[in-house]
Amino acid sequence: MRTMWMVVGGAALGAGLAALFSPAGATTRRKIREKSVEFSQDAQVFVTDQARNLQRMAGQMKHKAEELVEQGQQLVDTGRSTMHAVEEVVDEGREILDHARAAAEKAKHAAETATTSEPATV
């Protein structure tokens, strides 16, 4: 079976070569040459177009990436500002709490002093 396919393949290859190299094969060779040049030119145009498209897309992606980096930096800056504002509010709250504790301690001490210094009534 394998030998048969080899014979058929050899016959087909021989017939193709005979058609190309016969005097009438000049037209076939010219057509093949023309199609090869045409295909080569089409491939070159395709590759050039695709390269331009890729460059354009890369430029757009770079621009978008720069925008995203800038937006990220703005978010970081906003977060830092918010964090500093919260820290200030917490510090002010601590001061108010410290004053309230001091005032409460002072009031407690005053109340204790007032109750111990009052004369006992019978």
N, C-alpha and C. Protein backbone atom coordinates (compact mmCIF):
# COMPACT_ATOMS: atom_id res chain seq x y z
N MET A 1 0.82 -1.18 0.00
CA MET A 1 0.00 0.00 0.00
C MET A 1 0.88 1.26 0.00
N ARG A 2 1.91 1.21 0.84
CA ARG A 2 2.80 2.35 0.93
C ARG A 2 3.52 2.58 -0.40
N THR A 3 3.93 1.52 -1.03
CA THR A 3 4.62 1.60 -2.31
C THR A 3 3.71 2.22 -3.37
N MET A 4 2.43 1.85 -3.31
CA MET A 4 1.49 2.40 -4.29
C MET A 4 1.40 3.93 -4.14
N TRP A 5 1.34 4.40 -2.91
CA TRP A 5 1.25 5.85 -2.70
C TRP A 5 2.53 6.55 -3.15
N MET A 6 3.65 5.90 -2.95
CA MET A 6 4.91 6.47 -3.41
C MET A 6 4.92 6.58 -4.93
N VAL A 7 4.41 5.57 -5.61
CA VAL A 7 4.34 5.58 -7.08
C VAL A 7 3.40 6.69 -7.55
N VAL A 8 2.23 6.79 -6.90
CA VAL A 8 1.26 7.82 -7.29
C VAL A 8 1.84 9.21 -7.03
N GLY A 9 2.49 9.40 -5.85
CA GLY A 9 3.10 10.69 -5.54
C GLY A 9 4.21 11.04 -6.51
N GLY A 10 5.05 10.07 -6.85
CA GLY A 10 6.12 10.30 -7.81
C GLY A 10 5.58 10.66 -9.17
N ALA A 11 4.50 10.00 -9.58
CA ALA A 11 3.90 10.29 -10.90
C ALA A 11 3.33 11.71 -10.90
N ALA A 12 2.69 12.11 -9.81
CA ALA A 12 2.11 13.46 -9.73
C ALA A 12 3.22 14.50 -9.75
N LEU A 13 4.28 14.25 -9.01
CA LEU A 13 5.40 15.18 -8.98
C LEU A 13 6.05 15.27 -10.36
N GLY A 14 6.22 14.14 -11.02
CA GLY A 14 6.80 14.11 -12.36
C GLY A 14 5.93 14.84 -13.35
N ALA A 15 4.62 14.67 -13.26
CA ALA A 15 3.70 15.35 -14.18
C ALA A 15 3.75 16.86 -13.95
N GLY A 16 3.84 17.26 -12.69
CA GLY A 16 3.92 18.69 -12.40
C GLY A 16 5.20 19.32 -12.93
N LEU A 17 6.32 18.63 -12.73
CA LEU A 17 7.60 19.14 -13.23
C LEU A 17 7.62 19.17 -14.75
N ALA A 18 7.05 18.15 -15.37
CA ALA A 18 7.00 18.11 -16.83
C ALA A 18 6.17 19.28 -17.36
N ALA A 19 5.07 19.59 -16.69
CA ALA A 19 4.23 20.70 -17.13
C ALA A 19 4.97 22.03 -16.98
N LEU A 20 5.75 22.17 -15.92
CA LEU A 20 6.47 23.42 -15.70
C LEU A 20 7.62 23.60 -16.69
N PHE A 21 8.34 22.54 -16.98
CA PHE A 21 9.53 22.67 -17.80
C PHE A 21 9.32 22.37 -19.28
N SER A 22 8.11 22.10 -19.69
CA SER A 22 7.83 21.91 -21.12
C SER A 22 7.77 23.29 -21.78
N PRO A 23 7.86 23.35 -23.12
CA PRO A 23 7.78 24.66 -23.77
C PRO A 23 6.48 25.39 -23.43
N ALA A 24 5.39 24.69 -23.23
CA ALA A 24 4.12 25.33 -22.87
C ALA A 24 4.13 25.74 -21.41
N GLY A 25 5.07 25.22 -20.62
CA GLY A 25 5.16 25.55 -19.20
C GLY A 25 5.69 26.96 -18.95
N ALA A 26 6.20 27.63 -19.97
CA ALA A 26 6.70 29.00 -19.80
C ALA A 26 5.58 29.91 -19.30
N THR A 27 4.39 29.75 -19.85
CA THR A 27 3.25 30.54 -19.41
C THR A 27 2.92 30.22 -17.96
N THR A 28 2.96 28.97 -17.59
CA THR A 28 2.67 28.56 -16.21
C THR A 28 3.71 29.15 -15.26
N ARG A 29 4.99 29.06 -15.68
CA ARG A 29 6.05 29.62 -14.83
C ARG A 29 5.89 31.12 -14.67
N ARG A 30 5.50 31.82 -15.75
CA ARG A 30 5.28 33.28 -15.67
C ARG A 30 4.14 33.59 -14.70
N LYS A 31 3.06 32.82 -14.79
CA LYS A 31 1.92 33.03 -13.90
C LYS A 31 2.31 32.78 -12.44
N ILE A 32 3.08 31.72 -12.22
CA ILE A 32 3.54 31.42 -10.86
C ILE A 32 4.41 32.56 -10.34
N ARG A 33 5.31 33.06 -11.21
CA ARG A 33 6.19 34.16 -10.82
C ARG A 33 5.37 35.41 -10.50
N GLU A 34 4.38 35.73 -11.34
CA GLU A 34 3.52 36.90 -11.10
C GLU A 34 2.75 36.77 -9.79
N LYS A 35 2.18 35.58 -9.58
CA LYS A 35 1.42 35.36 -8.34
C LYS A 35 2.34 35.44 -7.12
N SER A 36 3.58 34.95 -7.27
CA SER A 36 4.54 35.03 -6.16
C SER A 36 4.85 36.48 -5.83
N VAL A 37 5.10 37.29 -6.84
CA VAL A 37 5.38 38.72 -6.62
C VAL A 37 4.16 39.40 -6.01
N GLU A 38 2.99 39.10 -6.55
CA GLU A 38 1.75 39.70 -6.03
C GLU A 38 1.54 39.31 -4.56
N PHE A 39 1.74 38.03 -4.26
CA PHE A 39 1.59 37.57 -2.88
C PHE A 39 2.60 38.25 -1.97
N SER A 40 3.83 38.37 -2.43
CA SER A 40 4.88 39.01 -1.64
C SER A 40 4.52 40.47 -1.35
N GLN A 41 4.03 41.18 -2.38
CA GLN A 41 3.63 42.59 -2.18
C GLN A 41 2.45 42.69 -1.22
N ASP A 42 1.46 41.81 -1.39
CA ASP A 42 0.30 41.82 -0.48
C ASP A 42 0.74 41.55 0.96
N ALA A 43 1.65 40.60 1.12
CA ALA A 43 2.13 40.27 2.46
C ALA A 43 2.88 41.46 3.06
N GLN A 44 3.67 42.14 2.23
CA GLN A 44 4.41 43.30 2.72
C GLN A 44 3.46 44.42 3.15
N VAL A 45 2.42 44.67 2.37
CA VAL A 45 1.42 45.69 2.73
C VAL A 45 0.72 45.29 4.02
N PHE A 46 0.34 44.03 4.14
CA PHE A 46 -0.34 43.55 5.34
C PHE A 46 0.54 43.74 6.57
N VAL A 47 1.79 43.33 6.48
CA VAL A 47 2.71 43.45 7.61
C VAL A 47 2.92 44.92 7.98
N THR A 48 3.08 45.78 6.98
CA THR A 48 3.26 47.21 7.24
C THR A 48 2.02 47.79 7.93
N ASP A 49 0.83 47.45 7.44
CA ASP A 49 -0.41 47.93 8.06
C ASP A 49 -0.53 47.45 9.50
N GLN A 50 -0.22 46.19 9.71
CA GLN A 50 -0.33 45.64 11.07
C GLN A 50 0.68 46.30 12.00
N ALA A 51 1.87 46.58 11.50
CA ALA A 51 2.89 47.26 12.31
C ALA A 51 2.40 48.65 12.70
N ARG A 52 1.81 49.37 11.76
CA ARG A 52 1.26 50.71 12.06
C ARG A 52 0.14 50.61 13.11
N ASN A 53 -0.74 49.63 12.93
CA ASN A 53 -1.83 49.44 13.90
C ASN A 53 -1.28 49.14 15.29
N LEU A 54 -0.28 48.29 15.37
CA LEU A 54 0.32 47.95 16.66
C LEU A 54 0.99 49.16 17.29
N GLN A 55 1.66 49.97 16.48
CA GLN A 55 2.29 51.18 17.01
C GLN A 55 1.24 52.15 17.55
N ARG A 56 0.14 52.30 16.80
CA ARG A 56 -0.94 53.19 17.23
C ARG A 56 -1.54 52.68 18.54
N MET A 57 -1.79 51.37 18.59
CA MET A 57 -2.37 50.79 19.81
C MET A 57 -1.42 50.93 20.99
N ALA A 58 -0.13 50.74 20.75
CA ALA A 58 0.86 50.88 21.82
C ALA A 58 0.87 52.31 22.33
N GLY A 59 0.78 53.27 21.42
CA GLY A 59 0.73 54.68 21.83
C GLY A 59 -0.51 54.98 22.67
N GLN A 60 -1.65 54.43 22.25
CA GLN A 60 -2.88 54.63 23.01
C GLN A 60 -2.78 53.99 24.39
N MET A 61 -2.21 52.79 24.44
CA MET A 61 -2.08 52.10 25.73
C MET A 61 -1.12 52.86 26.65
N LYS A 62 -0.05 53.41 26.09
CA LYS A 62 0.89 54.18 26.89
C LYS A 62 0.20 55.42 27.45
N HIS A 63 -0.57 56.09 26.62
CA HIS A 63 -1.30 57.29 27.06
C HIS A 63 -2.28 56.93 28.17
N LYS A 64 -3.01 55.84 28.01
CA LYS A 64 -3.98 55.41 29.02
C LYS A 64 -3.25 55.04 30.32
N ALA A 65 -2.13 54.37 30.20
CA ALA A 65 -1.35 54.00 31.39
C ALA A 65 -0.87 55.25 32.12
N GLU A 66 -0.43 56.25 31.39
CA GLU A 66 -0.01 57.50 32.02
C GLU A 66 -1.17 58.17 32.74
N GLU A 67 -2.36 58.15 32.12
CA GLU A 67 -3.55 58.71 32.77
C GLU A 67 -3.87 57.96 34.06
N LEU A 68 -3.79 56.63 34.01
CA LEU A 68 -4.09 55.83 35.19
C LEU A 68 -3.08 56.08 36.30
N VAL A 69 -1.82 56.23 35.95
CA VAL A 69 -0.79 56.53 36.95
C VAL A 69 -1.09 57.88 37.60
N GLU A 70 -1.47 58.86 36.78
CA GLU A 70 -1.79 60.18 37.31
C GLU A 70 -3.01 60.11 38.23
N GLN A 71 -4.04 59.38 37.82
CA GLN A 71 -5.22 59.22 38.68
C GLN A 71 -4.86 58.52 39.99
N GLY A 72 -4.02 57.52 39.90
CA GLY A 72 -3.57 56.81 41.10
C GLY A 72 -2.82 57.74 42.03
N GLN A 73 -1.97 58.58 41.47
CA GLN A 73 -1.21 59.54 42.29
C GLN A 73 -2.16 60.52 42.97
N GLN A 74 -3.19 60.96 42.23
CA GLN A 74 -4.18 61.87 42.83
C GLN A 74 -4.92 61.18 43.97
N LEU A 75 -5.26 59.90 43.80
CA LEU A 75 -5.93 59.16 44.87
C LEU A 75 -5.03 59.03 46.10
N VAL A 76 -3.76 58.77 45.87
CA VAL A 76 -2.81 58.67 46.98
C VAL A 76 -2.72 60.01 47.70
N ASP A 77 -2.61 61.08 46.93
CA ASP A 77 -2.54 62.41 47.55
C ASP A 77 -3.80 62.73 48.34
N THR A 78 -4.96 62.40 47.78
CA THR A 78 -6.22 62.62 48.48
C THR A 78 -6.27 61.79 49.76
N GLY A 79 -5.83 60.55 49.67
CA GLY A 79 -5.80 59.68 50.85
C GLY A 79 -4.89 60.24 51.93
N ARG A 80 -3.73 60.75 51.54
CA ARG A 80 -2.81 61.35 52.51
C ARG A 80 -3.43 62.57 53.17
N SER A 81 -4.06 63.42 52.36
CA SER A 81 -4.70 64.61 52.91
C SER A 81 -5.80 64.23 53.89
N THR A 82 -6.59 63.23 53.51
CA THR A 82 -7.67 62.76 54.39
C THR A 82 -7.09 62.19 55.68
N MET A 83 -6.02 61.43 55.56
CA MET A 83 -5.38 60.85 56.73
C MET A 83 -4.88 61.94 57.68
N HIS A 84 -4.27 62.99 57.12
CA HIS A 84 -3.78 64.09 57.96
C HIS A 84 -4.94 64.81 58.63
N ALA A 85 -6.04 65.00 57.90
CA ALA A 85 -7.21 65.65 58.48
C ALA A 85 -7.77 64.80 59.63
N VAL A 86 -7.83 63.49 59.44
CA VAL A 86 -8.33 62.59 60.50
C VAL A 86 -7.40 62.64 61.70
N GLU A 87 -6.10 62.65 61.46
CA GLU A 87 -5.14 62.74 62.57
C GLU A 87 -5.35 64.03 63.36
N GLU A 88 -5.59 65.14 62.66
CA GLU A 88 -5.84 66.41 63.35
C GLU A 88 -7.11 66.34 64.19
N VAL A 89 -8.16 65.74 63.64
CA VAL A 89 -9.42 65.61 64.38
C VAL A 89 -9.21 64.72 65.61
N VAL A 90 -8.48 63.63 65.46
CA VAL A 90 -8.21 62.74 66.59
C VAL A 90 -7.41 63.48 67.66
N ASP A 91 -6.39 64.23 67.24
CA ASP A 91 -5.59 65.00 68.20
C ASP A 91 -6.46 66.02 68.93
N GLU A 92 -7.35 66.71 68.20
CA GLU A 92 -8.25 67.67 68.84
C GLU A 92 -9.19 66.95 69.80
N GLY A 93 -9.67 65.78 69.40
CA GLY A 93 -10.53 64.99 70.29
C GLY A 93 -9.81 64.58 71.56
N ARG A 94 -8.54 64.20 71.42
CA ARG A 94 -7.75 63.84 72.61
C ARG A 94 -7.58 65.04 73.54
N GLU A 95 -7.32 66.20 72.95
CA GLU A 95 -7.18 67.41 73.78
C GLU A 95 -8.47 67.72 74.52
N ILE A 96 -9.58 67.62 73.82
CA ILE A 96 -10.89 67.88 74.45
C ILE A 96 -11.12 66.86 75.56
N LEU A 97 -10.82 65.60 75.29
CA LEU A 97 -11.00 64.56 76.30
C LEU A 97 -10.10 64.82 77.51
N ASP A 98 -8.84 65.21 77.25
CA ASP A 98 -7.93 65.51 78.37
C ASP A 98 -8.46 66.67 79.20
N HIS A 99 -8.99 67.74 78.55
CA HIS A 99 -9.56 68.88 79.27
C HIS A 99 -10.79 68.45 80.06
N ALA A 100 -11.62 67.60 79.43
CA ALA A 100 -12.82 67.12 80.12
C ALA A 100 -12.44 66.28 81.33
N ARG A 101 -11.43 65.43 81.19
CA ARG A 101 -10.98 64.62 82.33
C ARG A 101 -10.44 65.51 83.44
N ALA A 102 -9.65 66.50 83.05
CA ALA A 102 -9.08 67.42 84.05
C ALA A 102 -10.19 68.17 84.76
N ALA A 103 -11.19 68.63 83.98
CA ALA A 103 -12.31 69.36 84.59
C ALA A 103 -13.11 68.45 85.50
N ALA A 104 -13.32 67.20 85.09
CA ALA A 104 -14.06 66.25 85.92
C ALA A 104 -13.29 65.95 87.19
N GLU A 105 -11.99 65.77 87.07
CA GLU A 105 -11.16 65.50 88.25
C GLU A 105 -11.18 66.70 89.21
N LYS A 106 -11.14 67.89 88.62
CA LYS A 106 -11.18 69.11 89.43
C LYS A 106 -12.53 69.22 90.13
N ALA A 107 -13.61 68.92 89.40
CA ALA A 107 -14.96 68.98 89.99
C ALA A 107 -15.10 67.92 91.07
N LYS A 108 -14.56 66.73 90.83
CA LYS A 108 -14.62 65.66 91.82
C LYS A 108 -13.87 66.05 93.07
N HIS A 109 -12.70 66.63 92.87
CA HIS A 109 -11.88 67.06 94.01
C HIS A 109 -12.59 68.17 94.78
N ALA A 110 -13.20 69.07 94.05
CA ALA A 110 -13.93 70.17 94.70
C ALA A 110 -15.12 69.62 95.47
N ALA A 111 -15.81 68.65 94.91
CA ALA A 111 -16.96 68.06 95.59
C ALA A 111 -16.52 67.33 96.84
N GLU A 112 -15.39 66.61 96.76
CA GLU A 112 -14.89 65.89 97.92
C GLU A 112 -14.46 66.87 99.01
N THR A 113 -13.84 67.93 98.61
CA THR A 113 -13.39 68.94 99.56
C THR A 113 -14.59 69.62 100.20
N ALA A 114 -15.61 69.90 99.43
CA ALA A 114 -16.80 70.57 99.94
C ALA A 114 -17.53 69.68 100.93
N THR A 115 -17.57 68.37 100.68
CA THR A 115 -18.30 67.47 101.60
C THR A 115 -17.51 67.23 102.87
N THR A 116 -16.23 67.28 102.85
CA THR A 116 -15.43 67.04 104.05
C THR A 116 -15.28 68.30 104.88
N SER A 117 -15.42 69.47 104.31
CA SER A 117 -15.24 70.70 105.06
C SER A 117 -16.55 71.25 105.60
N GLU A 118 -17.70 70.70 105.24
CA GLU A 118 -18.98 71.16 105.74
C GLU A 118 -19.15 70.66 107.18
N PRO A 119 -19.68 71.55 108.04
CA PRO A 119 -19.92 71.10 109.41
C PRO A 119 -21.07 70.10 109.45
N ALA A 120 -20.97 69.19 110.35
CA ALA A 120 -22.01 68.20 110.51
C ALA A 120 -23.22 68.83 111.20
N THR A 121 -24.35 68.64 110.67
CA THR A 121 -25.58 69.18 111.26
C THR A 121 -26.32 68.07 111.99
N VAL A 122 -26.77 68.44 113.21
CA VAL A 122 -27.48 67.42 114.00
C VAL A 122 -28.91 67.82 114.18
